[in-house]
Amino acid sequence: MVNPVVTGPVEAATLLETGGGRYALRGWLAFATARVIHEKGRNVILAASTGTGVLEFDCGGLTHTDSAGVAVLIDWLAVAKHRGQRLRYLGISDSVRAIARISEVDELLESGV
């Protein structure tokens, strides 16, 4: 998979609360932006009450994701599982699925915790 050529500023990924335990991911979730959004998502998971429903992160607004972005998604699942919190992803793109399949974590991303 070829990384896109970046000719201008990268739109860092954002995580927006949309209500009812749902969050929307937007922008680039990639090596250049992964550290900041990783911490934001981790804080959301840590702040959520355990055992009170499912957190849903909608990935449909991501414009670019690389293997570092997939690693962030996998780590968020690990954080949620460790806390006994349920988390699932919606709107996973074909390119994210391809990276996850190569990394043999596609079933984990699809099923959540």
Protein backbone atom coordinates (compact mmCIF):
# COMPACT_ATOMS: atom_id res chain seq x y z
CA MET A 1 0.00 0.00 0.00
CA VAL A 2 1.44 3.33 -1.05
CA ASN A 3 1.28 6.28 1.29
CA PRO A 4 -0.32 9.35 -0.26
CA VAL A 5 1.90 12.26 -1.15
CA VAL A 6 1.28 15.10 1.28
CA THR A 7 1.68 18.53 -0.29
CA GLY A 8 0.09 20.63 2.42
CA PRO A 9 -0.75 20.48 6.07
CA VAL A 10 -2.18 17.21 7.34
CA GLU A 11 -5.63 17.40 8.94
CA ALA A 12 -4.96 15.79 12.31
CA ALA A 13 -7.56 13.31 13.47
CA THR A 14 -10.22 14.56 15.83
CA LEU A 15 -12.56 12.67 18.12
CA LEU A 16 -15.93 14.34 18.51
CA GLU A 17 -18.61 13.32 20.99
CA THR A 18 -21.91 12.82 19.19
CA GLY A 19 -23.96 11.73 22.22
CA GLY A 20 -25.08 8.53 23.86
CA GLY A 21 -21.60 7.03 24.14
CA ARG A 22 -20.89 7.66 20.47
CA TYR A 23 -17.87 9.44 19.04
CA ALA A 24 -16.90 10.38 15.50
CA LEU A 25 -13.35 10.15 14.22
CA ARG A 26 -12.42 12.65 11.51
CA GLY A 27 -9.26 13.46 9.54
CA TRP A 28 -5.92 11.66 9.33
CA LEU A 29 -5.28 8.83 11.77
CA ALA A 30 -1.72 8.10 10.77
CA PHE A 31 1.84 8.11 12.05
CA ALA A 32 2.07 11.91 11.95
CA THR A 33 -1.08 12.38 14.04
CA ALA A 34 -1.44 9.17 16.05
CA ARG A 35 0.09 10.27 19.35
CA VAL A 36 -2.35 13.10 20.09
CA ILE A 37 -5.52 11.28 19.04
CA HIS A 38 -4.40 8.14 20.86
CA GLU A 39 -4.32 10.06 24.13
CA LYS A 40 -7.72 11.67 23.48
CA GLY A 41 -9.39 8.33 22.78
CA ARG A 42 -7.71 6.72 25.76
CA ASN A 43 -9.03 9.50 28.00
CA VAL A 44 -12.56 8.99 26.64
CA ILE A 45 -12.38 5.28 27.42
CA LEU A 46 -10.92 5.83 30.88
CA ALA A 47 -13.61 8.42 31.70
CA ALA A 48 -16.49 6.17 30.61
CA SER A 49 -18.46 4.31 33.26
CA THR A 50 -17.79 0.61 32.98
CA GLY A 51 -20.67 -1.73 32.36
CA THR A 52 -23.05 0.99 31.17
CA GLY A 53 -23.47 0.28 27.49
CA VAL A 54 -21.14 0.27 24.55
CA LEU A 55 -18.83 3.04 23.44
CA GLU A 56 -19.04 3.43 19.67
CA PHE A 57 -16.32 5.12 17.63
CA ASP A 58 -17.45 5.91 14.09
CA CYS A 59 -14.44 5.74 11.76
CA GLY A 60 -16.39 6.82 8.66
CA GLY A 61 -14.93 10.33 8.73
CA LEU A 62 -11.31 9.25 8.61
CA THR A 63 -9.72 10.52 5.41
CA HIS A 64 -6.48 8.55 5.77
CA THR A 65 -5.33 5.77 8.05
CA ASP A 66 -2.06 3.86 8.05
CA SER A 67 -0.68 1.06 10.22
CA ALA A 68 -0.01 3.50 13.08
CA GLY A 69 -3.69 4.46 12.99
CA VAL A 70 -4.74 0.82 13.10
CA ALA A 71 -2.40 0.34 16.07
CA VAL A 72 -4.24 3.18 17.85
CA LEU A 73 -7.58 1.49 17.24
CA ILE A 74 -6.25 -1.83 18.55
CA ASP A 75 -4.77 -0.19 21.63
CA TRP A 76 -8.09 1.51 22.43
CA LEU A 77 -9.72 -1.94 22.37
CA ALA A 78 -7.09 -3.21 24.80
CA VAL A 79 -7.67 -0.26 27.15
CA ALA A 80 -11.43 -0.83 27.04
CA LYS A 81 -11.08 -4.56 27.63
CA HIS A 82 -8.73 -4.00 30.57
CA ARG A 83 -11.34 -1.71 32.16
CA GLY A 84 -14.28 -4.02 31.44
CA GLN A 85 -15.68 -1.42 29.03
CA ARG A 86 -17.33 -2.40 25.77
CA LEU A 87 -16.07 -0.66 22.61
CA ARG A 88 -16.87 -1.15 18.95
CA TYR A 89 -15.99 0.59 15.72
CA LEU A 90 -18.44 1.63 13.02
CA GLY A 91 -17.74 2.72 9.45
CA ILE A 92 -14.38 1.02 9.08
CA SER A 93 -13.05 1.73 5.59
CA ASP A 94 -11.81 -0.89 3.16
CA SER A 95 -8.26 0.46 3.47
CA VAL A 96 -8.31 0.07 7.26
CA ARG A 97 -9.71 -3.44 6.84
CA ALA A 98 -6.88 -4.27 4.44
CA ILE A 99 -4.22 -3.12 6.91
CA ALA A 100 -5.96 -5.01 9.72
CA ARG A 101 -6.20 -8.16 7.58
CA ILE A 102 -2.47 -8.06 6.77
CA SER A 103 -1.76 -7.56 10.48
CA GLU A 104 -4.18 -10.40 11.34
CA VAL A 105 -6.29 -8.17 13.61
CA ASP A 106 -9.27 -7.72 11.27
CA GLU A 107 -11.62 -9.89 13.34
CA LEU A 108 -10.73 -7.95 16.48
CA LEU A 109 -11.49 -4.60 14.82
CA GLU A 110 -14.76 -5.93 13.43
CA SER A 111 -16.03 -7.47 16.67
CA GLY A 112 -14.73 -4.98 19.24
CA VAL A 113 -14.61 -5.86 22.91
